[in-house]
Amino acid sequence: MNQQTSPDDLLTPSDAARVLGLSADSVRVLSDNGRLPSMRTVSGRRLFRRSDVDRLAIARAQGLIGVATNGGESASHAHAEE
């Protein structure tokens, strides 16, 4: 099967969790904390844009997730405060 992904693809919390290597509950916490933008369906289900999930995955790979709340701008100080 040949599937191509688009930055505008929508992912469920479980899908986002697989991309990020986290649990779905951790993805929900990141969303609640404003670190991963989400949207809600009419029924209240949370969905994530693929581009936002990929951006967060890159930040995690670079060790920037600890402090990053605005796209990683202030993340360089993540380890200095530990």
C-alpha atoms as a PDB file:
ATOM      1  CA  MET A   1       0.000   0.000   0.000  1.00  0.00           C
ATOM      2  CA  ASN A   2       1.378   3.403  -0.962  1.00  0.00           C
ATOM      3  CA  GLN A   3       0.156   6.075   1.456  1.00  0.00           C
ATOM      4  CA  GLN A   4       1.471   9.589   1.410  1.00  0.00           C
ATOM      5  CA  THR A   5       1.160  11.858   4.412  1.00  0.00           C
ATOM      6  CA  SER A   6       0.238  15.504   4.304  1.00  0.00           C
ATOM      7  CA  PRO A   7       1.035  18.148   6.952  1.00  0.00           C
ATOM      8  CA  ASP A   8      -2.715  18.741   7.149  1.00  0.00           C
ATOM      9  CA  ASP A   9      -3.555  15.107   7.933  1.00  0.00           C
ATOM     10  CA  LEU A  10      -5.439  14.769  11.207  1.00  0.00           C
ATOM     11  CA  LEU A  11      -4.272  12.296  13.826  1.00  0.00           C
ATOM     12  CA  THR A  12      -6.049  10.814  16.836  1.00  0.00           C
ATOM     13  CA  PRO A  13      -4.310  10.863  20.224  1.00  0.00           C
ATOM     14  CA  SER A  14      -3.286   7.231  19.632  1.00  0.00           C
ATOM     15  CA  ASP A  15      -1.847   8.029  16.210  1.00  0.00           C
ATOM     16  CA  ALA A  16       0.040  11.035  17.591  1.00  0.00           C
ATOM     17  CA  ALA A  17       1.306   8.898  20.466  1.00  0.00           C
ATOM     18  CA  ARG A  18       2.804   6.374  18.017  1.00  0.00           C
ATOM     19  CA  VAL A  19       4.611   9.139  16.129  1.00  0.00           C
ATOM     20  CA  LEU A  20       5.927  10.695  19.345  1.00  0.00           C
ATOM     21  CA  GLY A  21       6.765   7.465  21.161  1.00  0.00           C
ATOM     22  CA  LEU A  22       4.465   8.386  24.047  1.00  0.00           C
ATOM     23  CA  SER A  23       1.208   7.143  25.517  1.00  0.00           C
ATOM     24  CA  ALA A  24      -2.082   8.615  24.340  1.00  0.00           C
ATOM     25  CA  ASP A  25      -2.551  10.021  27.856  1.00  0.00           C
ATOM     26  CA  SER A  26       0.791  11.839  27.603  1.00  0.00           C
ATOM     27  CA  VAL A  27      -0.293  13.313  24.275  1.00  0.00           C
ATOM     28  CA  ARG A  28      -3.486  14.585  25.916  1.00  0.00           C
ATOM     29  CA  VAL A  29      -1.437  16.197  28.701  1.00  0.00           C
ATOM     30  CA  LEU A  30       0.793  17.910  26.121  1.00  0.00           C
ATOM     31  CA  SER A  31      -2.349  19.219  24.471  1.00  0.00           C
ATOM     32  CA  ASP A  32      -3.858  20.385  27.759  1.00  0.00           C
ATOM     33  CA  ASN A  33      -0.592  22.205  28.576  1.00  0.00           C
ATOM     34  CA  GLY A  34      -0.595  23.966  25.210  1.00  0.00           C
ATOM     35  CA  ARG A  35       2.518  22.188  23.923  1.00  0.00           C
ATOM     36  CA  LEU A  36       0.629  20.353  21.183  1.00  0.00           C
ATOM     37  CA  PRO A  37      -2.175  22.251  19.455  1.00  0.00           C
ATOM     38  CA  SER A  38      -5.373  20.289  18.973  1.00  0.00           C
ATOM     39  CA  MET A  39      -8.886  20.708  17.697  1.00  0.00           C
ATOM     40  CA  ARG A  40     -12.121  19.039  18.688  1.00  0.00           C
ATOM     41  CA  THR A  41     -14.721  17.314  16.598  1.00  0.00           C
ATOM     42  CA  VAL A  42     -18.405  18.065  17.152  1.00  0.00           C
ATOM     43  CA  SER A  43     -18.538  14.975  19.355  1.00  0.00           C
ATOM     44  CA  GLY A  44     -15.612  16.280  21.453  1.00  0.00           C
ATOM     45  CA  ARG A  45     -12.897  14.005  20.098  1.00  0.00           C
ATOM     46  CA  ARG A  46      -9.429  15.546  20.067  1.00  0.00           C
ATOM     47  CA  LEU A  47      -7.479  15.629  16.779  1.00  0.00           C
ATOM     48  CA  PHE A  48      -3.978  16.819  15.949  1.00  0.00           C
ATOM     49  CA  ARG A  49      -2.469  18.150  12.715  1.00  0.00           C
ATOM     50  CA  ARG A  50       0.328  15.956  11.418  1.00  0.00           C
ATOM     51  CA  SER A  51       2.592  19.000  11.017  1.00  0.00           C
ATOM     52  CA  ASP A  52       2.196  19.910  14.724  1.00  0.00           C
ATOM     53  CA  VAL A  53       2.929  16.335  15.803  1.00  0.00           C
ATOM     54  CA  ASP A  54       5.985  16.149  13.531  1.00  0.00           C
ATOM     55  CA  ARG A  55       7.259  19.489  14.877  1.00  0.00           C
ATOM     56  CA  LEU A  56       6.942  18.205  18.431  1.00  0.00           C
ATOM     57  CA  ALA A  57       8.651  14.928  17.489  1.00  0.00           C
ATOM     58  CA  ILE A  58      11.627  16.889  16.159  1.00  0.00           C
ATOM     59  CA  ALA A  59      11.755  18.987  19.341  1.00  0.00           C
ATOM     60  CA  ARG A  60      11.681  15.795  21.454  1.00  0.00           C
ATOM     61  CA  ALA A  61      14.499  14.284  19.382  1.00  0.00           C
ATOM     62  CA  GLN A  62      16.569  17.408  19.997  1.00  0.00           C
ATOM     63  CA  GLY A  63      15.799  17.361  23.729  1.00  0.00           C
ATOM     64  CA  LEU A  64      13.723  20.546  23.553  1.00  0.00           C
ATOM     65  CA  ILE A  65      10.390  19.294  24.869  1.00  0.00           C
ATOM     66  CA  GLY A  66      10.980  20.179  28.541  1.00  0.00           C
ATOM     67  CA  VAL A  67      10.436  23.930  28.270  1.00  0.00           C
ATOM     68  CA  ALA A  68       9.100  24.443  24.744  1.00  0.00           C
ATOM     69  CA  THR A  69       5.613  25.929  24.826  1.00  0.00           C
ATOM     70  CA  ASN A  70       5.752  28.276  21.832  1.00  0.00           C
ATOM     71  CA  GLY A  71       7.244  26.140  19.090  1.00  0.00           C
ATOM     72  CA  GLY A  72      10.525  25.569  20.939  1.00  0.00           C
ATOM     73  CA  GLU A  73      11.621  29.215  21.173  1.00  0.00           C
ATOM     74  CA  SER A  74      12.599  29.102  24.839  1.00  0.00           C
ATOM     75  CA  ALA A  75      13.671  25.468  24.874  1.00  0.00           C
ATOM     76  CA  SER A  76      17.408  26.107  24.901  1.00  0.00           C
ATOM     77  CA  HIS A  77      17.211  26.694  28.648  1.00  0.00           C
ATOM     78  CA  ALA A  78      15.589  23.316  29.372  1.00  0.00           C
ATOM     79  CA  HIS A  79      18.632  21.670  30.923  1.00  0.00           C
ATOM     80  CA  ALA A  80      20.092  24.781  32.560  1.00  0.00           C
ATOM     81  CA  GLU A  81      17.340  24.854  35.182  1.00  0.00           C
ATOM     82  CA  GLU A  82      17.518  21.167  36.158  1.00  0.00           C
END
